[in-house]
Amino acid sequence: MIKSIKKKFGIGNSKIKTIISHCGLNPKVNSKNLKKRHLEETNKITQNFKLERNLKNEIKGRINFLLEQKTYKGVRHKLKYPVRGQRTRTNAKTTKKKTI
């Protein structure tokens, strides 16, 4: 796996596999053994993805939209409760704690 790409926010194992298969590389090769042209290819492909700050801003924008619309999901985000239907009676103790 290419560790230098994986360090970026927004790239996980599945995206790395697609990048590697698109470039025609061996998945077991270390990034130290790659040539410059392979690194340039991977950089060109990763430029098409939303990463780092752009991705974080998009996520914040989606949450703010939910808050503005006053949806159930937005209220759960505001109260710092679990959003996707997890139970709060026995689990999620850390998210239920009130911060003063």
PDB file of N, CA and C in Angstrom:
ATOM      1  N   MET A   1       0.832  -1.193   0.000  1.00  0.00           N
ATOM      2  CA  MET A   1       0.000   0.000   0.000  1.00  0.00           C
ATOM      3  C   MET A   1       0.873   1.252   0.000  1.00  0.00           C
ATOM      4  N   ILE A   2       0.343   2.285  -0.566  1.00  0.00           N
ATOM      5  CA  ILE A   2       1.068   3.546  -0.607  1.00  0.00           C
ATOM      6  C   ILE A   2       0.666   4.355   0.620  1.00  0.00           C
ATOM      7  N   LYS A   3       1.565   4.461   1.576  1.00  0.00           N
ATOM      8  CA  LYS A   3       1.259   5.115   2.846  1.00  0.00           C
ATOM      9  C   LYS A   3       1.201   6.624   2.719  1.00  0.00           C
ATOM     10  N   SER A   4       1.942   7.189   1.775  1.00  0.00           N
ATOM     11  CA  SER A   4       1.953   8.644   1.649  1.00  0.00           C
ATOM     12  C   SER A   4       0.597   9.173   1.196  1.00  0.00           C
ATOM     13  N   ILE A   5      -0.121   8.395   0.411  1.00  0.00           N
ATOM     14  CA  ILE A   5      -1.453   8.819  -0.030  1.00  0.00           C
ATOM     15  C   ILE A   5      -2.450   8.624   1.091  1.00  0.00           C
ATOM     16  N   LYS A   6      -2.305   7.562   1.859  1.00  0.00           N
ATOM     17  CA  LYS A   6      -3.274   7.217   2.895  1.00  0.00           C
ATOM     18  C   LYS A   6      -3.277   8.230   4.036  1.00  0.00           C
ATOM     19  N   LYS A   7      -2.214   8.990   4.196  1.00  0.00           N
ATOM     20  CA  LYS A   7      -2.144   9.966   5.281  1.00  0.00           C
ATOM     21  C   LYS A   7      -3.094  11.138   5.069  1.00  0.00           C
ATOM     22  N   LYS A   8      -3.581  11.335   3.862  1.00  0.00           N
ATOM     23  CA  LYS A   8      -4.469  12.455   3.574  1.00  0.00           C
ATOM     24  C   LYS A   8      -5.871  12.153   4.072  1.00  0.00           C
ATOM     25  N   PHE A   9      -6.559  13.175   4.597  1.00  0.00           N
ATOM     26  CA  PHE A   9      -7.923  13.024   5.088  1.00  0.00           C
ATOM     27  C   PHE A   9      -8.855  12.812   3.906  1.00  0.00           C
ATOM     28  N   GLY A  10      -9.618  11.739   3.950  1.00  0.00           N
ATOM     29  CA  GLY A  10     -10.580  11.460   2.890  1.00  0.00           C
ATOM     30  C   GLY A  10     -10.198  10.306   2.005  1.00  0.00           C
ATOM     31  N   ILE A  11      -9.028   9.730   2.218  1.00  0.00           N
ATOM     32  CA  ILE A  11      -8.609   8.582   1.419  1.00  0.00           C
ATOM     33  C   ILE A  11      -8.493   7.389   2.341  1.00  0.00           C
ATOM     34  N   GLY A  12      -9.273   6.371   2.049  1.00  0.00           N
ATOM     35  CA  GLY A  12      -9.242   5.135   2.820  1.00  0.00           C
ATOM     36  C   GLY A  12      -8.733   3.990   1.959  1.00  0.00           C
ATOM     37  N   ASN A  13      -8.959   2.785   2.443  1.00  0.00           N
ATOM     38  CA  ASN A  13      -8.457   1.610   1.747  1.00  0.00           C
ATOM     39  C   ASN A  13      -9.100   1.414   0.380  1.00  0.00           C
ATOM     40  N   SER A  14     -10.399   1.657   0.268  1.00  0.00           N
ATOM     41  CA  SER A  14     -11.070   1.413  -1.012  1.00  0.00           C
ATOM     42  C   SER A  14     -10.594   2.390  -2.088  1.00  0.00           C
ATOM     43  N   LYS A  15     -10.388   3.657  -1.725  1.00  0.00           N
ATOM     44  CA  LYS A  15      -9.893   4.619  -2.713  1.00  0.00           C
ATOM     45  C   LYS A  15      -8.461   4.307  -3.117  1.00  0.00           C
ATOM     46  N   ILE A  16      -7.658   3.835  -2.165  1.00  0.00           N
ATOM     47  CA  ILE A  16      -6.282   3.472  -2.494  1.00  0.00           C
ATOM     48  C   ILE A  16      -6.271   2.313  -3.475  1.00  0.00           C
ATOM     49  N   LYS A  17      -7.152   1.341  -3.268  1.00  0.00           N
ATOM     50  CA  LYS A  17      -7.210   0.194  -4.181  1.00  0.00           C
ATOM     51  C   LYS A  17      -7.599   0.625  -5.585  1.00  0.00           C
ATOM     52  N   THR A  18      -8.545   1.556  -5.708  1.00  0.00           N
ATOM     53  CA  THR A  18      -8.925   2.027  -7.041  1.00  0.00           C
ATOM     54  C   THR A  18      -7.794   2.806  -7.701  1.00  0.00           C
ATOM     55  N   ILE A  19      -7.081   3.598  -6.925  1.00  0.00           N
ATOM     56  CA  ILE A  19      -5.948   4.359  -7.467  1.00  0.00           C
ATOM     57  C   ILE A  19      -4.858   3.422  -7.958  1.00  0.00           C
ATOM     58  N   ILE A  20      -4.544   2.425  -7.153  1.00  0.00           N
ATOM     59  CA  ILE A  20      -3.488   1.481  -7.513  1.00  0.00           C
ATOM     60  C   ILE A  20      -3.874   0.676  -8.750  1.00  0.00           C
ATOM     61  N   SER A  21      -5.126   0.228  -8.808  1.00  0.00           N
ATOM     62  CA  SER A  21      -5.553  -0.561  -9.966  1.00  0.00           C
ATOM     63  C   SER A  21      -5.593   0.304 -11.224  1.00  0.00           C
ATOM     64  N   HIS A  22      -5.951   1.575 -11.090  1.00  0.00           N
ATOM     65  CA  HIS A  22      -5.996   2.477 -12.244  1.00  0.00           C
ATOM     66  C   HIS A  22      -4.588   2.737 -12.792  1.00  0.00           C
ATOM     67  N   CYS A  23      -3.615   2.826 -11.908  1.00  0.00           N
ATOM     68  CA  CYS A  23      -2.233   3.065 -12.333  1.00  0.00           C
ATOM     69  C   CYS A  23      -1.544   1.782 -12.801  1.00  0.00           C
ATOM     70  N   GLY A  24      -2.114   0.639 -12.463  1.00  0.00           N
ATOM     71  CA  GLY A  24      -1.506  -0.633 -12.857  1.00  0.00           C
ATOM     72  C   GLY A  24      -0.334  -1.019 -11.977  1.00  0.00           C
ATOM     73  N   LEU A  25      -0.403  -0.671 -10.707  1.00  0.00           N
ATOM     74  CA  LEU A  25       0.682  -0.971  -9.786  1.00  0.00           C
ATOM     75  C   LEU A  25       0.384  -2.225  -8.979  1.00  0.00           C
ATOM     76  N   ASN A  26       1.430  -2.780  -8.403  1.00  0.00           N
ATOM     77  CA  ASN A  26       1.291  -3.912  -7.510  1.00  0.00           C
ATOM     78  C   ASN A  26       0.916  -3.375  -6.132  1.00  0.00           C
ATOM     79  N   PRO A  27      -0.173  -3.879  -5.506  1.00  0.00           N
ATOM     80  CA  PRO A  27      -0.593  -3.332  -4.212  1.00  0.00           C
ATOM     81  C   PRO A  27       0.394  -3.569  -3.078  1.00  0.00           C
ATOM     82  N   LYS A  28       1.296  -4.512  -3.234  1.00  0.00           N
ATOM     83  CA  LYS A  28       2.230  -4.825  -2.152  1.00  0.00           C
ATOM     84  C   LYS A  28       3.525  -4.021  -2.225  1.00  0.00           C
ATOM     85  N   VAL A  29       3.664  -3.164  -3.225  1.00  0.00           N
ATOM     86  CA  VAL A  29       4.883  -2.376  -3.396  1.00  0.00           C
ATOM     87  C   VAL A  29       4.883  -1.213  -2.409  1.00  0.00           C
ATOM     88  N   ASN A  30       6.033  -0.956  -1.796  1.00  0.00           N
ATOM     89  CA  ASN A  30       6.175   0.196  -0.907  1.00  0.00           C
ATOM     90  C   ASN A  30       6.322   1.473  -1.722  1.00  0.00           C
ATOM     91  N   SER A  31       6.014   2.584  -1.088  1.00  0.00           N
ATOM     92  CA  SER A  31       6.124   3.861  -1.797  1.00  0.00           C
ATOM     93  C   SER A  31       7.584   4.236  -2.056  1.00  0.00           C
ATOM     94  N   LYS A  32       8.514   3.663  -1.299  1.00  0.00           N
ATOM     95  CA  LYS A  32       9.932   3.952  -1.509  1.00  0.00           C
ATOM     96  C   LYS A  32      10.427   3.368  -2.831  1.00  0.00           C
ATOM     97  N   ASN A  33       9.812   2.282  -3.265  1.00  0.00           N
ATOM     98  CA  ASN A  33      10.279   1.593  -4.469  1.00  0.00           C
ATOM     99  C   ASN A  33       9.621   2.102  -5.752  1.00  0.00           C
ATOM    100  N   LEU A  34       8.701   3.049  -5.655  1.00  0.00           N
ATOM    101  CA  LEU A  34       8.011   3.552  -6.835  1.00  0.00           C
ATOM    102  C   LEU A  34       8.860   4.575  -7.582  1.00  0.00           C
ATOM    103  N   LYS A  35       8.634   4.637  -8.873  1.00  0.00           N
ATOM    104  CA  LYS A  35       9.333   5.620  -9.688  1.00  0.00           C
ATOM    105  C   LYS A  35       8.549   6.927  -9.697  1.00  0.00           C
ATOM    106  N   LYS A  36       9.202   7.990 -10.168  1.00  0.00           N
ATOM    107  CA  LYS A  36       8.574   9.308 -10.170  1.00  0.00           C
ATOM    108  C   LYS A  36       7.312   9.349 -11.018  1.00  0.00           C
ATOM    109  N   ARG A  37       7.321   8.644 -12.145  1.00  0.00           N
ATOM    110  CA  ARG A  37       6.146   8.689 -13.025  1.00  0.00           C
ATOM    111  C   ARG A  37       4.931   8.050 -12.367  1.00  0.00           C
ATOM    112  N   HIS A  38       5.161   7.007 -11.546  1.00  0.00           N
ATOM    113  CA  HIS A  38       4.048   6.382 -10.837  1.00  0.00           C
ATOM    114  C   HIS A  38       3.489   7.325  -9.769  1.00  0.00           C
ATOM    115  N   LEU A  39       4.385   8.018  -9.076  1.00  0.00           N
ATOM    116  CA  LEU A  39       3.930   8.983  -8.070  1.00  0.00           C
ATOM    117  C   LEU A  39       3.169  10.139  -8.712  1.00  0.00           C
ATOM    118  N   GLU A  40       3.640  10.590  -9.889  1.00  0.00           N
ATOM    119  CA  GLU A  40       2.944  11.659 -10.598  1.00  0.00           C
ATOM    120  C   GLU A  40       1.557  11.216 -11.038  1.00  0.00           C
ATOM    121  N   GLU A  41       1.436   9.946 -11.480  1.00  0.00           N
ATOM    122  CA  GLU A  41       0.127   9.416 -11.880  1.00  0.00           C
ATOM    123  C   GLU A  41      -0.835   9.396 -10.694  1.00  0.00           C
ATOM    124  N   THR A  42      -0.343   8.927  -9.550  1.00  0.00           N
ATOM    125  CA  THR A  42      -1.210   8.865  -8.369  1.00  0.00           C
ATOM    126  C   THR A  42      -1.612  10.270  -7.924  1.00  0.00           C
ATOM    127  N   ASN A  43      -0.706  11.235  -8.035  1.00  0.00           N
ATOM    128  CA  ASN A  43      -1.043  12.618  -7.670  1.00  0.00           C
ATOM    129  C   ASN A  43      -2.094  13.202  -8.610  1.00  0.00           C
ATOM    130  N   LYS A  44      -2.012  12.873  -9.906  1.00  0.00           N
ATOM    131  CA  LYS A  44      -3.010  13.351 -10.854  1.00  0.00           C
ATOM    132  C   LYS A  44      -4.387  12.783 -10.530  1.00  0.00           C
ATOM    133  N   ILE A  45      -4.422  11.519 -10.160  1.00  0.00           N
ATOM    134  CA  ILE A  45      -5.702  10.882  -9.848  1.00  0.00           C
ATOM    135  C   ILE A  45      -6.284  11.455  -8.563  1.00  0.00           C
ATOM    136  N   THR A  46      -5.446  11.686  -7.556  1.00  0.00           N
ATOM    137  CA  THR A  46      -5.952  12.197  -6.277  1.00  0.00           C
ATOM    138  C   THR A  46      -6.413  13.651  -6.388  1.00  0.00           C
ATOM    139  N   GLN A  47      -5.984  14.377  -7.406  1.00  0.00           N
ATOM    140  CA  GLN A  47      -6.446  15.746  -7.581  1.00  0.00           C
ATOM    141  C   GLN A  47      -7.926  15.799  -7.933  1.00  0.00           C
ATOM    142  N   ASN A  48      -8.467  14.706  -8.470  1.00  0.00           N
ATOM    143  CA  ASN A  48      -9.888  14.670  -8.828  1.00  0.00           C
ATOM    144  C   ASN A  48     -10.779  14.480  -7.606  1.00  0.00           C
ATOM    145  N   PHE A  49     -10.230  13.988  -6.496  1.00  0.00           N
ATOM    146  CA  PHE A  49     -11.011  13.754  -5.285  1.00  0.00           C
ATOM    147  C   PHE A  49     -11.050  15.015  -4.427  1.00  0.00           C
ATOM    148  N   LYS A  50     -12.122  15.131  -3.633  1.00  0.00           N
ATOM    149  CA  LYS A  50     -12.169  16.187  -2.632  1.00  0.00           C
ATOM    150  C   LYS A  50     -11.459  15.659  -1.398  1.00  0.00           C
ATOM    151  N   LEU A  51     -10.418  16.362  -0.971  1.00  0.00           N
ATOM    152  CA  LEU A  51      -9.611  15.897   0.146  1.00  0.00           C
ATOM    153  C   LEU A  51      -9.347  17.032   1.124  1.00  0.00           C
ATOM    154  N   GLU A  52      -8.877  16.625   2.295  1.00  0.00           N
ATOM    155  CA  GLU A  52      -8.405  17.537   3.320  1.00  0.00           C
ATOM    156  C   GLU A  52      -9.418  18.640   3.647  1.00  0.00           C
ATOM    157  N   ARG A  53      -9.041  19.883   3.454  1.00  0.00           N
ATOM    158  CA  ARG A  53      -9.848  21.031   3.862  1.00  0.00           C
ATOM    159  C   ARG A  53     -11.149  21.125   3.067  1.00  0.00           C
ATOM    160  N   ASN A  54     -11.109  20.832   1.775  1.00  0.00           N
ATOM    161  CA  ASN A  54     -12.323  20.911   0.953  1.00  0.00           C
ATOM    162  C   ASN A  54     -13.376  19.923   1.432  1.00  0.00           C
ATOM    163  N   LEU A  55     -12.952  18.725   1.768  1.00  0.00           N
ATOM    164  CA  LEU A  55     -13.877  17.700   2.238  1.00  0.00           C
ATOM    165  C   LEU A  55     -14.454  18.069   3.595  1.00  0.00           C
ATOM    166  N   LYS A  56     -13.611  18.575   4.487  1.00  0.00           N
ATOM    167  CA  LYS A  56     -14.084  18.978   5.814  1.00  0.00           C
ATOM    168  C   LYS A  56     -15.092  20.127   5.713  1.00  0.00           C
ATOM    169  N   ASN A  57     -14.832  21.084   4.832  1.00  0.00           N
ATOM    170  CA  ASN A  57     -15.758  22.199   4.647  1.00  0.00           C
ATOM    171  C   ASN A  57     -17.094  21.725   4.082  1.00  0.00           C
ATOM    172  N   GLU A  58     -17.044  20.740   3.187  1.00  0.00           N
ATOM    173  CA  GLU A  58     -18.287  20.209   2.624  1.00  0.00           C
ATOM    174  C   GLU A  58     -19.116  19.501   3.694  1.00  0.00           C
ATOM    175  N   ILE A  59     -18.460  18.741   4.557  1.00  0.00           N
ATOM    176  CA  ILE A  59     -19.158  18.038   5.631  1.00  0.00           C
ATOM    177  C   ILE A  59     -19.788  19.037   6.597  1.00  0.00           C
ATOM    178  N   LYS A  60     -19.034  20.084   6.957  1.00  0.00           N
ATOM    179  CA  LYS A  60     -19.579  21.117   7.839  1.00  0.00           C
ATOM    180  C   LYS A  60     -20.766  21.824   7.194  1.00  0.00           C
ATOM    181  N   GLY A  61     -20.684  22.049   5.898  1.00  0.00           N
ATOM    182  CA  GLY A  61     -21.785  22.688   5.192  1.00  0.00           C
ATOM    183  C   GLY A  61     -23.050  21.842   5.205  1.00  0.00           C
ATOM    184  N   ARG A  62     -22.889  20.542   5.056  1.00  0.00           N
ATOM    185  CA  ARG A  62     -24.053  19.658   5.104  1.00  0.00           C
ATOM    186  C   ARG A  62     -24.693  19.659   6.481  1.00  0.00           C
ATOM    187  N   ILE A  63     -23.867  19.651   7.520  1.00  0.00           N
ATOM    188  CA  ILE A  63     -24.395  19.665   8.889  1.00  0.00           C
ATOM    189  C   ILE A  63     -25.086  20.994   9.172  1.00  0.00           C
ATOM    190  N   ASN A  64     -24.488  22.102   8.735  1.00  0.00           N
ATOM    191  CA  ASN A  64     -25.112  23.413   8.921  1.00  0.00           C
ATOM    192  C   ASN A  64     -26.443  23.518   8.183  1.00  0.00           C
ATOM    193  N   PHE A  65     -26.539  22.896   7.017  1.00  0.00           N
ATOM    194  CA  PHE A  65     -27.804  22.884   6.283  1.00  0.00           C
ATOM    195  C   PHE A  65     -28.871  22.158   7.082  1.00  0.00           C
ATOM    196  N   LEU A  66     -28.496  21.022   7.693  1.00  0.00           N
ATOM    197  CA  LEU A  66     -29.447  20.279   8.517  1.00  0.00           C
ATOM    198  C   LEU A  66     -29.885  21.099   9.730  1.00  0.00           C
ATOM    199  N   LEU A  67     -28.949  21.843  10.312  1.00  0.00           N
ATOM    200  CA  LEU A  67     -29.283  22.690  11.454  1.00  0.00           C
ATOM    201  C   LEU A  67     -30.226  23.819  11.056  1.00  0.00           C
ATOM    202  N   GLU A  68     -29.991  24.420   9.889  1.00  0.00           N
ATOM    203  CA  GLU A  68     -30.854  25.505   9.425  1.00  0.00           C
ATOM    204  C   GLU A  68     -32.272  25.014   9.139  1.00  0.00           C
ATOM    205  N   GLN A  69     -32.384  23.811   8.610  1.00  0.00           N
ATOM    206  CA  GLN A  69     -33.691  23.256   8.287  1.00  0.00           C
ATOM    207  C   GLN A  69     -34.407  22.713   9.522  1.00  0.00           C
ATOM    208  N   LYS A  70     -33.682  22.640  10.635  1.00  0.00           N
ATOM    209  CA  LYS A  70     -34.204  22.132  11.900  1.00  0.00           C
ATOM    210  C   LYS A  70     -34.764  20.718  11.769  1.00  0.00           C
ATOM    211  N   THR A  71     -34.000  19.886  11.065  1.00  0.00           N
ATOM    212  CA  THR A  71     -34.394  18.493  10.925  1.00  0.00           C
ATOM    213  C   THR A  71     -34.030  17.731  12.190  1.00  0.00           C
ATOM    214  N   TYR A  72     -34.573  16.537  12.328  1.00  0.00           N
ATOM    215  CA  TYR A  72     -34.279  15.693  13.481  1.00  0.00           C
ATOM    216  C   TYR A  72     -32.789  15.401  13.560  1.00  0.00           C
ATOM    217  N   LYS A  73     -32.211  15.108  12.409  1.00  0.00           N
ATOM    218  CA  LYS A  73     -30.788  14.803  12.358  1.00  0.00           C
ATOM    219  C   LYS A  73     -29.942  16.009  12.758  1.00  0.00           C
ATOM    220  N   GLY A  74     -30.375  17.196  12.342  1.00  0.00           N
ATOM    221  CA  GLY A  74     -29.658  18.409  12.702  1.00  0.00           C
ATOM    222  C   GLY A  74     -29.718  18.691  14.188  1.00  0.00           C
ATOM    223  N   VAL A  75     -30.883  18.443  14.804  1.00  0.00           N
ATOM    224  CA  VAL A  75     -31.022  18.636  16.246  1.00  0.00           C
ATOM    225  C   VAL A  75     -30.121  17.670  16.996  1.00  0.00           C
ATOM    226  N   ARG A  76     -30.035  16.442  16.513  1.00  0.00           N
ATOM    227  CA  ARG A  76     -29.166  15.446  17.153  1.00  0.00           C
ATOM    228  C   ARG A  76     -27.697  15.876  17.068  1.00  0.00           C
ATOM    229  N   HIS A  77     -27.311  16.458  15.921  1.00  0.00           N
ATOM    230  CA  HIS A  77     -25.944  16.973  15.790  1.00  0.00           C
ATOM    231  C   HIS A  77     -25.695  18.086  16.793  1.00  0.00           C
ATOM    232  N   LYS A  78     -26.657  18.966  16.941  1.00  0.00           N
ATOM    233  CA  LYS A  78     -26.505  20.115  17.835  1.00  0.00           C
ATOM    234  C   LYS A  78     -26.356  19.679  19.286  1.00  0.00           C
ATOM    235  N   LEU A  79     -27.125  18.676  19.685  1.00  0.00           N
ATOM    236  CA  LEU A  79     -27.068  18.179  21.061  1.00  0.00           C
ATOM    237  C   LEU A  79     -25.930  17.193  21.295  1.00  0.00           C
ATOM    238  N   LYS A  80     -25.195  16.883  20.236  1.00  0.00           N
ATOM    239  CA  LYS A  80     -24.078  15.933  20.277  1.00  0.00           C
ATOM    240  C   LYS A  80     -24.538  14.541  20.704  1.00  0.00           C
ATOM    241  N   TYR A  81     -25.689  14.150  20.217  1.00  0.00           N
ATOM    242  CA  TYR A  81     -26.204  12.799  20.417  1.00  0.00           C
ATOM    243  C   TYR A  81     -25.871  11.968  19.188  1.00  0.00           C
ATOM    244  N   PRO A  82     -25.973  10.645  19.290  1.00  0.00           N
ATOM    245  CA  PRO A  82     -25.800   9.811  18.101  1.00  0.00           C
ATOM    246  C   PRO A  82     -26.863  10.135  17.054  1.00  0.00           C
ATOM    247  N   VAL A  83     -26.451  10.218  15.804  1.00  0.00           N
ATOM    248  CA  VAL A  83     -27.329  10.711  14.755  1.00  0.00           C
ATOM    249  C   VAL A  83     -28.011   9.582  13.990  1.00  0.00           C
ATOM    250  N   ARG A  84     -27.363   8.456  13.858  1.00  0.00           N
ATOM    251  CA  ARG A  84     -27.836   7.432  12.935  1.00  0.00           C
ATOM    252  C   ARG A  84     -28.634   6.315  13.601  1.00  0.00           C
ATOM    253  N   GLY A  85     -29.362   6.635  14.644  1.00  0.00           N
ATOM    254  CA  GLY A  85     -30.280   5.671  15.222  1.00  0.00           C
ATOM    255  C   GLY A  85     -29.696   4.777  16.284  1.00  0.00           C
ATOM    256  N   GLN A  86     -28.493   5.072  16.763  1.00  0.00           N
ATOM    257  CA  GLN A  86     -27.930   4.258  17.819  1.00  0.00           C
ATOM    258  C   GLN A  86     -28.684   4.516  19.115  1.00  0.00           C
ATOM    259  N   ARG A  87     -28.662   3.548  19.987  1.00  0.00           N
ATOM    260  CA  ARG A  87     -29.373   3.710  21.244  1.00  0.00           C
ATOM    261  C   ARG A  87     -28.562   4.568  22.202  1.00  0.00           C
ATOM    262  N   THR A  88     -29.246   5.287  23.069  1.00  0.00           N
ATOM    263  CA  THR A  88     -28.565   6.157  24.021  1.00  0.00           C
ATOM    264  C   THR A  88     -28.813   5.728  25.460  1.00  0.00           C
ATOM    265  N   ARG A  89     -29.667   4.735  25.661  1.00  0.00           N
ATOM    266  CA  ARG A  89     -29.981   4.340  27.025  1.00  0.00           C
ATOM    267  C   ARG A  89     -28.797   3.661  27.703  1.00  0.00           C
ATOM    268  N   THR A  90     -28.183   2.705  27.018  1.00  0.00           N
ATOM    269  CA  THR A  90     -27.058   2.000  27.624  1.00  0.00           C
ATOM    270  C   THR A  90     -25.730   2.337  26.965  1.00  0.00           C
ATOM    271  N   ASN A  91     -25.760   2.756  25.733  1.00  0.00           N
ATOM    272  CA  ASN A  91     -24.518   3.097  25.030  1.00  0.00           C
ATOM    273  C   ASN A  91     -24.388   4.611  24.931  1.00  0.00           C
ATOM    274  N   ALA A  92     -23.361   5.054  24.296  1.00  0.00           N
ATOM    275  CA  ALA A  92     -23.136   6.469  23.987  1.00  0.00           C
ATOM    276  C   ALA A  92     -23.039   7.321  25.243  1.00  0.00           C
ATOM    277  N   LYS A  93     -22.385   6.810  26.257  1.00  0.00           N
ATOM    278  CA  LYS A  93     -22.248   7.573  27.497  1.00  0.00           C
ATOM    279  C   LYS A  93     -21.403   8.827  27.285  1.00  0.00           C
ATOM    280  N   THR A  94     -20.392   8.711  26.447  1.00  0.00           N
ATOM    281  CA  THR A  94     -19.518   9.868  26.255  1.00  0.00           C
ATOM    282  C   THR A  94     -20.230  10.969  25.475  1.00  0.00           C
ATOM    283  N   THR A  95     -21.115  10.612  24.570  1.00  0.00           N
ATOM    284  CA  THR A  95     -21.802  11.654  23.808  1.00  0.00           C
ATOM    285  C   THR A  95     -22.938  12.267  24.600  1.00  0.00           C
ATOM    286  N   LYS A  96     -23.440  11.567  25.609  1.00  0.00           N
ATOM    287  CA  LYS A  96     -24.552  12.085  26.385  1.00  0.00           C
ATOM    288  C   LYS A  96     -24.115  13.028  27.499  1.00  0.00           C
ATOM    289  N   LYS A  97     -22.836  13.008  27.854  1.00  0.00           N
ATOM    290  CA  LYS A  97     -22.375  13.843  28.952  1.00  0.00           C
ATOM    291  C   LYS A  97     -22.559  15.313  28.628  1.00  0.00           C
ATOM    292  N   LYS A  98     -23.047  16.042  29.595  1.00  0.00           N
ATOM    293  CA  LYS A  98     -23.216  17.477  29.397  1.00  0.00           C
ATOM    294  C   LYS A  98     -21.897  18.180  29.706  1.00  0.00           C
ATOM    295  N   THR A  99     -21.538  19.091  28.848  1.00  0.00           N
ATOM    296  CA  THR A  99     -20.325  19.872  29.065  1.00  0.00           C
ATOM    297  C   THR A  99     -20.700  21.230  29.612  1.00  0.00           C
ATOM    298  N   ILE A 100     -20.091  21.587  30.702  1.00  0.00           N
ATOM    299  CA  ILE A 100     -20.394  22.868  31.339  1.00  0.00           C
ATOM    300  C   ILE A 100     -19.174  23.752  31.315  1.00  0.00           C
TER     301      ILE A 100
END
